[in-house]
Amino acid sequence: MKAAGLGCFGFILGAILGGVIGVALGFAWTSVAHTSDFEGYSGMLVFYSFMPIGIIAGGLIGAVGLALLATRSDKPPHLPMR
């Protein structure tokens, strides 16, 4: 239950952070590639391409990362006696 809860929280947190990083990378890409600003083309490129990719990737990374963190055990593994 703990892993599922932290996984959902990680998805939301990762999606927000991934969206912000995606927008930042998109703006950097449009300035490096000299994308045209005619009729908002560069803005559409950022918000319809880079932001959704960042949201999806960040959400998946955050969910898997926090779920794996929740399933870790602090106890040492049980070793059989000889």
Protein backbone atom coordinates (compact mmCIF):
# COMPACT_ATOMS: atom_id res chain seq x y z
CA MET A 1 0.00 0.00 0.00
CA LYS A 2 2.88 2.30 0.83
CA ALA A 3 4.47 1.69 -2.58
CA ALA A 4 1.23 2.47 -4.42
CA GLY A 5 0.68 5.69 -2.50
CA LEU A 6 4.23 6.89 -2.98
CA GLY A 7 4.08 5.80 -6.62
CA CYS A 8 1.03 8.00 -7.23
CA PHE A 9 2.65 10.90 -5.40
CA GLY A 10 5.84 10.38 -7.39
CA PHE A 11 3.86 10.40 -10.64
CA ILE A 12 2.25 13.74 -9.83
CA LEU A 13 5.47 15.31 -8.59
CA GLY A 14 7.47 13.91 -11.49
CA ALA A 15 4.88 15.11 -14.03
CA ILE A 16 5.02 18.66 -12.70
CA LEU A 17 8.80 18.71 -12.63
CA GLY A 18 9.03 17.00 -16.03
CA GLY A 19 6.67 19.56 -17.56
CA VAL A 20 8.76 22.43 -16.27
CA ILE A 21 11.97 20.83 -17.53
CA GLY A 22 10.31 20.08 -20.87
CA VAL A 23 9.27 23.71 -21.31
CA ALA A 24 12.76 24.92 -20.41
CA LEU A 25 14.39 22.49 -22.85
CA GLY A 26 11.86 23.45 -25.52
CA PHE A 27 12.63 27.14 -25.19
CA ALA A 28 16.34 26.37 -25.30
CA TRP A 29 15.80 24.23 -28.42
CA THR A 30 13.88 26.98 -30.22
CA SER A 31 16.64 29.50 -29.56
CA VAL A 32 19.46 27.14 -30.54
CA ALA A 33 17.68 25.88 -33.68
CA HIS A 34 16.45 29.40 -34.61
CA THR A 35 12.84 28.22 -34.89
CA SER A 36 10.51 30.70 -36.56
CA ASP A 37 8.24 32.77 -34.29
CA PHE A 38 5.77 33.41 -37.11
CA GLU A 39 2.22 33.02 -35.77
CA GLY A 40 3.46 31.37 -32.58
CA TYR A 41 5.13 28.39 -34.22
CA SER A 42 7.91 28.17 -31.63
CA GLY A 43 5.43 28.34 -28.75
CA MET A 44 3.30 25.60 -30.27
CA LEU A 45 6.41 23.48 -30.73
CA VAL A 46 7.30 23.86 -27.06
CA PHE A 47 3.84 23.35 -25.57
CA TYR A 48 2.62 20.61 -27.94
CA SER A 49 5.85 18.61 -28.22
CA PHE A 50 8.37 19.22 -25.46
CA MET A 51 5.99 19.72 -22.53
CA PRO A 52 3.94 16.51 -23.05
CA ILE A 53 7.10 14.45 -23.53
CA GLY A 54 8.51 15.95 -20.31
CA ILE A 55 5.27 15.27 -18.41
CA ILE A 56 5.12 11.63 -19.50
CA ALA A 57 8.81 10.93 -18.88
CA GLY A 58 8.87 12.77 -15.55
CA GLY A 59 5.71 11.08 -14.33
CA LEU A 60 6.99 7.60 -15.14
CA ILE A 61 10.42 8.24 -13.65
CA GLY A 62 8.91 9.75 -10.50
CA ALA A 63 6.39 6.94 -10.03
CA VAL A 64 8.90 4.15 -10.53
CA GLY A 65 11.54 5.90 -8.45
CA LEU A 66 9.38 6.52 -5.40
CA ALA A 67 7.74 3.09 -5.63
CA LEU A 68 11.16 1.43 -5.66
CA LEU A 69 12.22 3.63 -2.76
CA ALA A 70 9.13 2.54 -0.81
CA THR A 71 9.75 -1.17 -1.39
CA ARG A 72 13.31 -1.06 -0.09
CA SER A 73 13.81 -2.87 3.16
CA ASP A 74 16.00 -1.43 5.91
CA LYS A 75 16.43 -4.86 7.47
CA PRO A 76 19.48 -6.90 6.49
CA PRO A 77 18.66 -10.00 4.45
CA HIS A 78 18.06 -13.17 6.46
CA LEU A 79 21.04 -15.50 6.28
CA PRO A 80 20.61 -19.13 7.29
CA MET A 81 22.64 -20.42 10.21
CA ARG A 82 25.40 -22.94 9.47
